[in-house]
Protein backbone atom coordinates (compact mmCIF):
# COMPACT_ATOMS: atom_id res chain seq x y z
CA MET A 1 18.12 4.64 0.37
CA ILE A 2 17.14 5.17 3.99
CA ALA A 3 20.59 3.87 4.98
CA VAL A 4 22.01 7.29 4.13
CA VAL A 5 19.93 8.68 6.99
CA PHE A 6 20.76 5.97 9.47
CA GLU A 7 24.09 5.09 7.96
CA THR A 8 24.58 1.85 9.91
CA ALA A 9 21.17 0.49 8.89
CA GLY A 10 21.11 -2.62 6.74
CA PRO A 11 18.13 -4.18 4.97
CA LEU A 12 14.88 -4.66 6.88
CA ASP A 13 14.50 -8.22 8.11
CA ARG A 14 12.04 -10.07 5.85
CA ALA A 15 10.00 -11.41 8.75
CA VAL A 16 9.72 -7.95 10.30
CA ARG A 17 8.70 -6.57 6.91
CA ASP A 18 5.91 -9.13 6.62
CA ASP A 19 4.70 -8.44 10.17
CA TYR A 20 4.81 -4.71 9.47
CA LEU A 21 2.69 -5.13 6.34
CA ASN A 22 0.31 -7.32 8.33
CA ARG A 23 -0.21 -4.54 10.86
CA LEU A 24 -0.98 -2.19 7.97
CA GLY A 25 -3.32 -4.76 6.44
CA LEU A 26 -1.44 -4.74 3.12
CA ASP A 27 0.37 -7.20 0.89
CA ALA A 28 3.78 -6.61 -0.67
CA GLU A 29 3.53 -5.12 -4.16
CA PRO A 30 5.88 -3.42 -6.64
CA PRO A 31 6.47 0.35 -6.23
CA SER A 32 3.75 2.60 -7.62
CA VAL A 33 2.08 5.89 -6.78
CA ASP A 34 -1.08 4.10 -5.69
CA GLY A 35 0.98 1.69 -3.61
CA LEU A 36 2.79 4.58 -1.93
CA ARG A 37 -0.56 6.17 -1.11
CA ARG A 38 -1.86 2.94 0.39
CA LEU A 39 1.22 2.48 2.55
CA THR A 40 1.21 6.09 3.76
CA ARG A 41 -2.50 6.12 4.54
CA ARG A 42 -2.42 2.84 6.41
CA GLN A 43 0.58 3.96 8.44
CA VAL A 44 -1.09 7.14 9.71
CA GLU A 45 -4.43 5.35 10.21
CA ARG A 46 -3.05 2.36 12.11
CA VAL A 47 0.24 3.43 13.68
CA PRO A 48 -0.22 6.31 16.15
CA TYR A 49 2.05 9.25 16.66
CA GLU A 50 2.80 8.89 20.37
CA THR A 51 5.16 10.08 23.07
CA LEU A 52 3.79 7.91 25.89
CA TRP A 53 7.01 5.89 25.92
CA ILE A 54 8.77 8.94 27.38
CA ALA A 55 6.44 9.14 30.38
CA ALA A 56 6.71 5.37 30.82
CA GLY A 57 10.49 5.61 31.09
CA GLU A 58 11.02 3.53 27.95
CA ALA A 59 14.12 5.11 26.43
CA TRP A 60 13.85 4.64 22.65
CA ASP A 61 16.79 5.39 20.39
CA LEU A 62 16.89 6.31 16.70
CA ASP A 63 17.56 2.82 15.33
CA PRO A 64 14.97 2.31 12.55
CA HIS A 65 15.12 -1.47 12.83
CA ARG A 66 14.02 -1.34 16.47
CA SER A 67 11.33 1.18 15.51
CA ALA A 68 10.08 -1.11 12.73
CA ALA A 69 10.00 -4.11 15.07
CA ARG A 70 8.01 -2.18 17.72
CA ILE A 71 5.51 -1.11 15.09
CA ALA A 72 5.29 -4.55 13.50
CA ARG A 73 5.23 -6.73 16.59
CA LEU A 74 4.54 -4.70 19.73
CA GLY A 75 1.68 -2.50 18.52
CA ARG A 76 3.46 0.77 19.28
CA GLY A 77 4.09 3.98 17.36
CA GLY A 78 6.54 6.77 18.15
CA TYR A 79 7.33 10.25 16.97
CA CYS A 80 8.86 11.39 13.69
CA TYR A 81 12.25 9.68 13.92
CA HIS A 82 10.59 6.33 14.70
CA LEU A 83 7.61 6.56 12.35
CA ASN A 84 9.39 7.94 9.30
CA GLY A 85 12.55 5.95 10.02
CA ALA A 86 10.61 2.68 10.13
CA LEU A 87 8.47 3.57 7.12
CA GLY A 88 11.61 4.48 5.18
CA LEU A 89 13.00 1.01 5.83
CA LEU A 90 9.73 -0.62 4.84
CA LEU A 91 9.50 1.37 1.62
CA THR A 92 13.10 0.60 0.75
CA SER A 93 12.50 -3.12 1.35
CA LEU A 94 9.64 -2.95 -1.16
CA GLY A 95 11.81 -1.36 -3.85
CA TYR A 96 11.06 2.35 -3.42
CA THR A 97 13.86 4.90 -3.69
CA VAL A 98 13.76 6.76 -0.39
CA HIS A 99 15.75 9.73 0.91
CA GLY A 100 15.80 11.26 4.38
CA HIS A 101 16.13 14.98 5.06
CA VAL A 102 16.65 17.25 8.04
CA GLY A 103 13.51 19.15 8.98
CA GLY A 104 12.39 21.61 11.60
CA VAL A 105 8.82 21.81 12.89
CA HIS A 106 7.98 25.35 14.01
CA GLY A 107 5.16 27.27 15.64
CA ALA A 108 2.97 30.10 14.43
CA GLU A 109 5.84 32.57 14.75
CA GLY A 110 7.62 30.95 11.80
CA PRO A 111 10.81 28.93 11.34
CA THR A 112 14.10 29.64 13.10
CA ASP A 113 17.45 27.83 13.14
CA ALA A 114 16.66 26.49 16.61
CA GLU A 115 14.21 23.92 15.23
CA ARG A 116 16.64 22.33 12.78
CA GLY A 117 16.88 18.59 13.35
CA ASN A 118 13.67 18.18 15.34
CA HIS A 119 12.05 16.35 12.41
CA LEU A 120 12.96 13.60 9.94
CA VAL A 121 11.46 14.07 6.46
CA LEU A 122 11.17 11.48 3.69
CA THR A 123 11.02 11.91 -0.05
CA VAL A 124 10.44 9.15 -2.59
CA ASP A 125 11.44 9.54 -6.23
CA GLY A 126 11.12 7.64 -9.47
CA LEU A 127 7.30 7.71 -9.56
CA PRO A 128 6.26 10.18 -12.29
CA THR A 129 2.64 10.95 -13.14
CA ALA A 130 1.03 13.37 -15.56
CA ALA A 131 0.43 15.80 -12.70
CA ASN A 132 3.86 15.21 -11.15
CA PRO A 133 6.24 14.57 -14.05
CA ALA A 134 9.35 14.90 -11.86
CA GLY A 135 8.13 11.87 -9.91
CA VAL A 136 9.27 13.11 -6.47
CA TRP A 137 6.90 12.75 -3.50
CA TYR A 138 6.99 14.24 -0.03
CA VAL A 139 6.11 11.49 2.46
CA ASP A 140 5.55 12.27 6.13
CA THR A 141 3.82 10.08 8.69
CA GLY A 142 5.66 11.75 11.56
CA LEU A 143 3.75 15.00 12.01
CA GLY A 144 0.74 13.61 13.85
CA ASP A 145 -2.00 15.92 12.66
CA ALA A 146 -1.01 16.83 9.11
CA LEU A 147 -0.64 14.55 6.07
CA HIS A 148 -2.95 11.68 5.22
CA ASP A 149 -1.47 11.10 1.75
CA PRO A 150 1.96 11.74 0.24
CA LEU A 151 2.22 15.06 -1.59
CA PRO A 152 3.80 15.67 -4.98
CA LEU A 153 6.92 17.72 -4.29
CA MET A 154 5.56 20.77 -6.08
CA ALA A 155 4.78 24.24 -4.78
CA GLY A 156 1.12 24.96 -4.18
CA PRO A 157 -1.90 24.18 -1.99
CA HIS A 158 -3.03 20.65 -1.20
CA ASP A 159 -6.38 19.85 0.39
CA GLN A 160 -6.39 16.90 2.77
CA PRO A 161 -9.53 17.31 4.90
CA PRO A 162 -9.85 18.89 7.36
CA PHE A 163 -6.60 20.65 6.47
CA ARG A 164 -5.39 22.85 3.64
CA LEU A 165 -1.64 22.33 3.39
CA VAL A 166 0.68 24.51 1.32
CA LEU A 167 4.11 23.58 0.00
CA GLU A 168 6.45 26.51 -0.63
CA ARG A 169 9.81 26.30 -2.37
CA ILE A 170 12.06 28.73 -0.54
CA ASP A 171 15.11 28.17 -2.75
CA ASP A 172 16.81 25.34 -4.65
CA GLU A 173 17.62 23.53 -1.40
CA THR A 174 14.76 24.43 0.94
CA TRP A 175 11.07 23.54 1.17
CA HIS A 176 8.44 24.78 3.60
CA LEU A 177 5.19 23.07 4.59
CA VAL A 178 2.63 25.58 5.86
CA HIS A 179 0.07 23.88 8.08
CA ASP A 180 -3.61 24.70 8.32
CA PRO A 181 -4.60 26.90 11.30
CA LEU A 182 -6.61 23.95 12.62
CA GLY A 183 -3.41 21.98 13.13
CA GLY A 184 -1.18 21.73 16.16
CA PHE A 185 1.88 23.51 14.71
CA GLY A 186 2.65 26.31 12.28
CA GLY A 187 4.71 24.51 9.65
CA MET A 188 7.90 22.65 8.87
CA VAL A 189 11.01 23.55 6.89
CA TRP A 190 13.40 21.01 5.42
CA THR A 191 16.44 20.93 3.19
CA ALA A 192 16.97 18.78 0.12
CA ALA A 193 20.38 17.56 1.28
CA ILE A 194 20.54 13.92 2.38
CA ALA A 195 20.56 13.62 6.18
CA ARG A 196 22.53 11.43 8.55
CA ARG A 197 21.65 9.96 11.92
CA SER A 198 23.99 12.41 13.66
CA ASP A 199 21.81 15.28 12.40
CA PHE A 200 19.05 14.19 14.78
CA GLU A 201 20.75 12.80 17.87
CA ALA A 202 21.01 16.04 19.85
CA LYS A 203 17.40 17.03 19.21
CA HIS A 204 16.14 13.55 19.97
CA GLY A 205 17.97 13.63 23.29
CA TRP A 206 16.48 17.01 24.18
CA LEU A 207 12.95 16.22 22.99
CA SER A 208 12.80 12.96 24.92
CA SER A 209 14.43 14.03 28.19
CA SER A 210 14.50 17.78 28.80
CA PRO A 211 11.99 19.12 31.36
CA GLU A 212 11.43 21.96 28.88
CA SER A 213 10.32 19.61 26.10
CA GLY A 214 6.61 19.63 25.38
CA PHE A 215 6.77 15.87 24.86
CA VAL A 216 8.12 15.43 28.38
CA ARG A 217 5.63 17.85 29.93
CA VAL A 218 2.51 16.48 28.20
CA PRO A 219 2.39 12.82 27.11
CA MET A 220 0.21 12.50 24.04
CA ALA A 221 -0.94 10.42 21.09
CA GLU A 222 -2.56 11.23 17.75
CA ARG A 223 -4.03 9.13 14.98
CA ARG A 224 -5.01 10.50 11.58
CA ASP A 225 -7.86 9.32 9.38
CA ALA A 226 -9.42 10.55 6.15
CA THR A 227 -11.53 13.27 7.82
CA GLY A 228 -9.58 14.34 10.90
CA VAL A 229 -7.35 13.47 13.81
CA ASP A 230 -8.03 11.93 17.22
CA VAL A 231 -5.78 13.42 19.90
CA ILE A 232 -5.13 12.66 23.55
CA ARG A 233 -2.99 15.08 25.55
CA GLY A 234 -2.53 13.94 29.09
CA LEU A 235 -5.98 12.84 30.22
CA VAL A 236 -8.00 14.84 27.66
CA LEU A 237 -9.32 13.22 24.48
CA SER A 238 -10.28 15.50 21.60
CA ARG A 239 -10.81 15.45 17.86
CA ILE A 240 -9.87 17.82 15.04
CA GLY A 241 -12.02 17.81 11.89
CA ALA A 242 -15.20 15.81 11.29
CA GLY A 243 -16.89 15.23 14.64
CA ALA A 244 -14.65 17.80 16.35
CA ARG A 245 -14.98 17.78 20.12
CA THR A 246 -13.09 17.99 23.42
CA ASP A 247 -14.08 15.50 26.09
CA GLU A 248 -13.88 15.73 29.86
CA PRO A 249 -10.63 14.41 31.38
CA VAL A 250 -10.47 10.64 31.75
CA THR A 251 -9.45 10.38 35.39
CA ARG A 252 -9.80 6.64 36.04
CA ARG A 253 -6.76 4.55 35.14
CA ALA A 254 -8.68 1.65 33.59
CA ASP A 255 -10.81 4.00 31.48
CA TRP A 256 -7.72 5.90 30.27
CA PHE A 257 -5.94 2.75 29.12
CA ASP A 258 -9.20 1.63 27.46
CA VAL A 259 -9.26 4.89 25.47
CA LEU A 260 -5.68 4.32 24.35
CA ALA A 261 -6.58 0.82 23.18
CA ASP A 262 -9.92 1.67 21.55
CA VAL A 263 -9.04 4.96 19.85
CA PHE A 264 -5.30 4.66 19.24
CA ASP A 265 -4.75 0.88 19.16
CA LEU A 266 -2.20 1.18 21.97
CA THR A 267 -2.37 -1.69 24.48
CA PHE A 268 1.09 -1.68 26.17
CA GLU A 269 1.03 -5.47 26.40
CA ALA A 270 4.80 -5.58 25.90
CA SER A 271 5.49 -2.92 28.53
CA THR A 272 6.43 -3.94 32.06
CA PRO A 273 3.96 -3.38 34.91
CA ALA A 274 6.42 -0.81 36.29
CA ALA A 275 6.39 1.09 32.99
CA ARG A 276 2.58 1.13 32.90
CA ASP A 277 2.48 2.30 36.52
CA ARG A 278 4.98 5.05 35.79
CA LEU A 279 3.08 6.16 32.69
CA TRP A 280 -0.21 6.53 34.57
CA ALA A 281 1.42 8.23 37.56
CA THR A 282 3.22 10.71 35.31
CA VAL A 283 0.14 11.59 33.28
CA LEU A 284 -2.08 11.94 36.37
CA ALA A 285 0.47 14.09 38.22
CA ALA A 286 0.87 16.39 35.22
CA HIS A 287 -2.90 16.80 34.96
CA GLN A 288 -3.24 17.56 38.66
CA ALA A 289 -0.42 20.12 38.48
CA ARG A 290 -2.14 21.93 35.59
CA GLU A 291 -5.42 21.93 37.50
CA ALA A 292 -3.71 23.43 40.52
CA GLU A 293 -2.11 26.13 38.35
CA SER A 294 -5.46 26.98 36.81
CA GLU A 295 -7.10 27.26 40.20
CA ALA A 296 -4.30 29.50 41.45
CA GLU A 297 -4.62 31.76 38.39
CA GLY A 298 -8.40 31.86 38.80
């Protein structure tokens, strides 16, 4: 159960569960492989990976109930701890057997111990198929530009356009996801041991507050679909996969918030005016600083 990850977490409130399913456009149904696919796909298609809350000064903790409520009722997303934490609660409330694991997203140079705890991984078991007789599935809606469907927890390549993903079994306790070169990171390692909330607290604090964190330096959002990923980093909207492109910076405030609403379904209606002001000021200042650096280097 997801409660072993967030050990103080109780059952997901029934009303929140129903609102969550409504945002995904799904009805409650018994656990099945097809049902797991539907839930995973709808989550990545409708709930964006986003770090804009950091720039807005909205300090979010690791509580999966608060994450689920934001997703269900406030139209927000989050990064891995929020997205996978909330989905884990939702899946558990629907009868799935869910486990959380400590992961580490790494760059092209490969994994190191320094990344441990920067990612929450989910697995779901008890769903055997002819192709996956063990019935264990790797579920991850918290990587932004990677999975569209759950993967059978089996070593080998998996095509999910526009990406070719590879699962490697390092040893009895360790798995490695190798990302496609088109993606925004090199891969992710995780251990089979069941995680606890304390495994993530230090990394969450650093990722959401340190001036050295990429999430602090460059506010961003991503939303996956069946053929690619829409991405906004700072003021620049781009796409990976079908229809790949990089647009000119969106430098007008109203236009930028319109892009967030139209492309990522992020409206910030529940945010305070001060938070919206701070978000725009932070993103604009970061863009102007990068422009000034580029001009100086040129």
